[in-house]
Protein backbone atom coordinates (compact mmCIF):
# COMPACT_ATOMS: atom_id res chain seq x y z
CA MET A 1 125.81 -7.75 158.36
CA LYS A 2 123.36 -6.91 161.14
CA ILE A 3 124.24 -8.41 164.53
CA ILE A 4 121.70 -8.76 167.33
CA GLU A 5 122.73 -10.01 170.75
CA ALA A 6 120.15 -11.52 173.06
CA LYS A 7 120.97 -12.65 176.59
CA ASP A 8 119.18 -15.95 176.08
CA ARG A 9 116.26 -17.52 174.24
CA THR A 10 113.74 -15.20 175.85
CA PRO A 11 110.72 -13.50 174.27
CA GLN A 12 113.11 -10.76 173.14
CA LEU A 13 114.96 -13.23 170.93
CA ILE A 14 111.76 -14.88 169.70
CA ASP A 15 110.29 -11.50 168.77
CA LYS A 16 113.37 -10.71 166.70
CA LEU A 17 113.11 -14.05 164.90
CA LEU A 18 109.40 -13.78 164.23
CA THR A 19 109.75 -10.26 162.89
CA VAL A 20 112.26 -11.40 160.29
CA TRP A 21 110.18 -14.43 159.32
CA GLU A 22 106.85 -12.64 159.18
CA ASN A 23 108.27 -9.86 157.04
CA SER A 24 109.51 -12.44 154.56
CA VAL A 25 106.35 -14.57 154.44
CA ARG A 26 103.83 -11.75 154.40
CA ALA A 27 105.74 -9.65 151.90
CA THR A 28 104.80 -12.21 149.28
CA HIS A 29 101.16 -11.09 149.51
CA LYS A 30 102.22 -7.60 148.43
CA PHE A 31 103.71 -8.80 145.17
CA LEU A 32 102.40 -7.05 142.11
CA SER A 33 100.09 -8.72 139.62
CA ASN A 34 98.43 -12.12 139.74
CA GLU A 35 99.89 -12.95 136.33
CA GLU A 36 103.51 -12.13 136.98
CA ILE A 37 104.13 -12.79 140.65
CA ASN A 38 104.45 -16.02 142.57
CA PRO A 39 102.08 -15.60 145.55
CA SER A 40 104.23 -17.74 147.89
CA ALA A 41 107.41 -17.27 149.83
CA THR A 42 110.26 -19.73 149.59
CA LEU A 43 111.89 -20.43 152.93
CA GLY A 44 115.17 -22.19 153.61
CA LEU A 45 115.04 -24.24 156.80
CA ALA A 46 117.64 -25.64 159.17
CA THR A 47 117.65 -28.41 161.75
CA GLY A 48 119.37 -28.94 165.08
CA SER A 49 118.58 -27.51 168.49
CA THR A 50 119.10 -23.82 167.69
CA PRO A 51 116.02 -23.19 165.49
CA LEU A 52 113.62 -25.19 167.69
CA PRO A 53 112.37 -22.15 169.66
CA LEU A 54 111.70 -20.38 166.36
CA TYR A 55 109.69 -23.31 165.02
CA ALA A 56 107.73 -23.54 168.26
CA GLU A 57 106.76 -19.89 167.99
CA MET A 58 105.82 -20.30 164.32
CA VAL A 59 103.42 -23.05 165.38
CA LYS A 60 101.90 -20.79 168.03
CA ASP A 61 101.67 -17.97 165.51
CA HIS A 62 99.79 -20.25 163.11
CA ARG A 63 97.41 -21.58 165.77
CA TYR A 64 96.59 -18.39 167.60
CA ARG A 65 97.09 -15.63 165.05
CA GLY A 66 96.09 -17.49 161.92
CA THR A 67 99.32 -17.05 159.96
CA SER A 68 99.07 -19.45 157.02
CA TYR A 69 101.87 -21.39 155.35
CA LYS A 70 99.69 -23.17 152.79
CA ASP A 71 101.31 -21.37 149.87
CA VAL A 72 104.85 -21.41 151.26
CA ARG A 73 107.56 -23.50 149.61
CA THR A 74 110.43 -24.82 151.73
CA PHE A 75 113.92 -26.17 151.14
CA ASN A 76 115.92 -27.85 153.87
CA LEU A 77 119.67 -27.52 153.99
CA ASP A 78 120.66 -31.15 154.37
CA GLU A 79 119.92 -34.74 155.28
CA TYR A 80 121.93 -37.65 156.63
CA VAL A 81 122.78 -40.41 154.17
CA GLY A 82 121.36 -43.78 155.15
CA LEU A 83 118.77 -42.78 157.74
CA PRO A 84 115.20 -43.74 156.79
CA ALA A 85 112.51 -41.08 157.14
CA SER A 86 111.10 -43.03 160.09
CA HIS A 87 114.30 -42.57 162.11
CA THR A 88 113.81 -39.94 164.79
CA GLU A 89 117.08 -38.21 163.85
CA SER A 90 116.46 -38.03 160.12
CA TYR A 91 115.88 -34.43 159.18
CA VAL A 92 112.63 -35.13 157.37
CA ASN A 93 111.37 -36.69 160.62
CA PHE A 94 112.73 -33.76 162.64
CA MET A 95 110.99 -31.18 160.45
CA THR A 96 107.70 -33.09 160.33
CA ARG A 97 107.69 -33.61 164.09
CA ASN A 98 108.66 -30.08 165.06
CA LEU A 99 107.01 -27.96 162.37
CA PHE A 100 105.32 -29.40 159.29
CA SER A 101 102.72 -31.52 161.11
CA LYS A 102 101.70 -28.53 163.21
CA ILE A 103 101.11 -25.88 160.52
CA ASP A 104 99.14 -25.87 157.28
CA VAL A 105 102.08 -26.25 154.91
CA ASP A 106 101.33 -28.31 151.79
CA MET A 107 103.76 -31.23 151.90
CA LYS A 108 103.98 -31.09 148.10
CA ASN A 109 105.81 -27.80 148.61
CA VAL A 110 108.31 -29.28 151.08
CA ASN A 111 111.76 -30.16 149.73
CA ILE A 112 114.34 -32.18 151.68
CA PRO A 113 117.19 -34.24 150.19
CA CYS A 114 116.45 -37.97 150.19
CA GLY A 115 119.08 -39.62 152.34
CA THR A 116 118.03 -43.12 151.29
CA ALA A 117 118.27 -42.54 147.53
CA GLU A 118 119.84 -45.49 145.71
CA ASN A 119 122.20 -43.16 143.86
CA VAL A 120 123.39 -40.34 146.11
CA ASP A 121 125.10 -38.43 143.30
CA GLU A 122 121.89 -38.41 141.25
CA GLU A 123 119.94 -37.22 144.29
CA CYS A 124 122.40 -34.37 144.76
CA ALA A 125 121.99 -33.37 141.12
CA ARG A 126 118.18 -33.55 141.43
CA TYR A 127 118.14 -31.32 144.50
CA SER A 128 120.57 -28.85 142.99
CA ALA A 129 118.35 -28.55 139.91
CA LEU A 130 115.37 -27.74 142.14
CA LEU A 131 117.36 -25.01 143.84
CA GLN A 132 118.51 -23.56 140.54
CA ASN A 133 114.86 -23.00 139.64
CA ALA A 134 113.97 -21.41 142.98
CA VAL A 135 114.83 -18.21 144.78
CA VAL A 136 114.91 -18.59 148.56
CA ASP A 137 113.46 -15.48 150.20
CA ILE A 138 115.06 -16.14 153.56
CA GLN A 139 117.47 -18.86 154.65
CA VAL A 140 117.87 -19.90 158.27
CA LEU A 141 121.36 -21.07 159.20
CA GLY A 142 123.15 -22.37 162.24
CA ILE A 143 126.91 -22.57 162.62
CA GLY A 144 129.04 -25.52 163.65
CA GLY A 145 131.85 -25.30 166.15
CA ASN A 146 134.33 -25.52 163.28
CA GLY A 147 132.53 -22.83 161.28
CA HIS A 148 130.53 -25.13 159.02
CA ILE A 149 127.18 -24.04 157.59
CA ALA A 150 124.73 -26.75 156.63
CA PHE A 151 127.12 -29.70 156.34
CA ASN A 152 129.70 -27.71 154.38
CA GLU A 153 132.84 -28.55 156.30
CA PRO A 154 136.04 -26.42 156.34
CA GLY A 155 137.68 -26.45 152.93
CA THR A 156 134.40 -26.60 150.98
CA PRO A 157 134.60 -24.28 147.95
CA PHE A 158 132.46 -21.17 148.24
CA ASP A 159 130.90 -21.89 144.84
CA SER A 160 129.86 -25.45 145.74
CA VAL A 161 126.42 -26.86 144.89
CA THR A 162 124.50 -29.72 146.50
CA HIS A 163 126.88 -32.59 147.19
CA ARG A 164 127.64 -35.53 149.44
CA VAL A 165 129.98 -34.73 152.29
CA TRP A 166 131.90 -37.02 154.63
CA LEU A 167 131.53 -35.54 158.08
CA THR A 168 134.56 -34.58 160.15
CA GLU A 169 135.25 -36.18 163.52
CA LYS A 170 134.27 -32.92 165.23
CA THR A 171 130.91 -32.72 163.48
CA ILE A 172 130.20 -36.37 164.27
CA SER A 173 131.16 -35.74 167.89
CA ASP A 174 129.02 -32.58 168.09
CA ASN A 175 125.99 -34.39 166.66
CA SER A 176 126.41 -37.50 168.79
CA ARG A 177 124.32 -35.87 171.54
CA PHE A 178 121.26 -36.55 169.38
CA PHE A 179 122.00 -40.30 169.16
CA ASP A 180 122.31 -43.10 171.70
CA SER A 181 125.99 -43.46 170.87
CA ILE A 182 128.57 -41.84 168.62
CA ASP A 183 128.71 -45.04 166.56
CA GLU A 184 125.13 -44.42 165.42
CA VAL A 185 125.89 -41.02 163.88
CA PRO A 186 125.90 -41.27 160.06
CA LYS A 187 129.29 -40.66 158.50
CA SER A 188 128.03 -38.72 155.49
CA ALA A 189 125.23 -36.40 154.45
CA ILE A 190 123.75 -34.59 151.48
CA THR A 191 124.10 -30.85 151.86
CA MET A 192 123.08 -27.74 150.00
CA GLY A 193 126.23 -26.09 148.66
CA ILE A 194 127.61 -22.76 149.85
CA GLY A 195 127.01 -21.21 146.44
CA GLU A 196 123.33 -22.15 146.67
CA ILE A 197 123.01 -20.83 150.22
CA MET A 198 124.48 -17.50 149.13
CA ARG A 199 121.77 -17.09 146.47
CA ALA A 200 119.12 -16.51 149.16
CA LYS A 201 117.76 -12.98 149.27
CA LYS A 202 118.16 -12.81 153.04
CA ILE A 203 119.99 -14.98 155.54
CA LEU A 204 119.16 -15.39 159.23
CA MET A 205 122.07 -16.86 161.21
CA LEU A 206 121.31 -18.18 164.71
CA ALA A 207 124.00 -19.15 167.19
CA SER A 208 123.97 -19.91 170.88
CA GLY A 209 126.39 -21.30 173.42
CA LYS A 210 130.00 -20.79 174.41
CA ASN A 211 131.12 -23.63 172.12
CA LYS A 212 130.16 -21.46 169.13
CA ALA A 213 132.06 -18.34 170.24
CA ASP A 214 135.27 -19.01 168.27
CA ALA A 215 133.36 -19.85 165.11
CA VAL A 216 131.16 -16.76 165.48
CA PHE A 217 134.26 -14.58 165.86
CA ARG A 218 135.79 -16.02 162.69
CA MET A 219 132.49 -15.66 160.83
CA ILE A 220 132.10 -11.97 161.68
CA SER A 221 135.61 -10.64 162.27
CA GLY A 222 137.94 -13.13 160.65
CA LYS A 223 139.35 -13.43 157.16
CA VAL A 224 136.94 -14.60 154.46
CA ASP A 225 138.44 -18.00 153.88
CA GLU A 226 137.22 -21.50 153.03
CA SER A 227 138.80 -22.79 156.24
CA CYS A 228 135.77 -21.15 157.94
CA PRO A 229 132.78 -21.69 155.64
CA ALA A 230 130.58 -19.26 157.59
CA SER A 231 133.00 -16.41 156.86
CA VAL A 232 131.53 -16.24 153.35
CA LEU A 233 128.48 -14.56 154.88
CA GLN A 234 130.54 -11.37 155.10
CA LEU A 235 130.06 -11.17 151.33
CA HIS A 236 126.25 -11.47 151.41
CA PRO A 237 124.29 -8.19 151.14
CA SER A 238 121.58 -9.05 153.69
CA VAL A 239 122.51 -11.14 156.74
CA THR A 240 121.03 -10.90 160.23
CA VAL A 241 122.99 -12.64 162.98
CA ILE A 242 121.22 -13.36 166.27
CA LEU A 243 123.46 -14.47 169.14
CA ASP A 244 123.11 -15.20 172.80
CA LYS A 245 125.64 -13.69 175.21
CA GLU A 246 127.89 -16.74 175.24
CA ALA A 247 128.08 -17.07 171.47
CA ALA A 248 128.92 -13.36 171.25
CA SER A 249 131.52 -13.49 174.04
CA LYS A 250 134.59 -13.17 171.80
CA LEU A 251 133.38 -10.33 169.59
């Protein structure tokens, strides 16, 4: 596990992020033959406040340096159950607003769980099947204050696949800052499973803020245990962790 500490979300941090992303995306153009090799990267994307600076820089990189995402395939980690795509806090809306509408990605290559599916279990199975037939080149992750990754709450089995999860009071409280009131926060979500996350070739974990310090410590230095879902990353062969000073304060 490679750990990078940045004092804040300065150009130093952005440069680190872009280097990891660009290496993943552009490496696909070096793949061998036209017959045998998929010419596109598959990227795993996250939502929330932490990856926003990364997405903003990706947009700038596309506009001013010409980096193209037209052949890139994406998979998002999760989606709230019950929020329509038009809702500003649905993750499909978040991704469209902050990234997809500003780069040349083909929306046919964008994959996000459908939170308004009539049958949530069938939607979970559909999304899991898509992931089984894909290999994510690099997966972006954030970490919750209780150590969750995606919406995999403490106690989630490490071999889990896409499933519906009922959010804990802490996660609902943490996410309430994005809504007008805590009562508006959805109580459940569809999330990529830990087993599926761990199949990514590379993982980029981003964490910032003092409220993440305990979880970051458990992720990096604690026992690998399902009580801290992020601790499973200790078992992955290629993880880069980028932290600000506050998130790294207990290491």
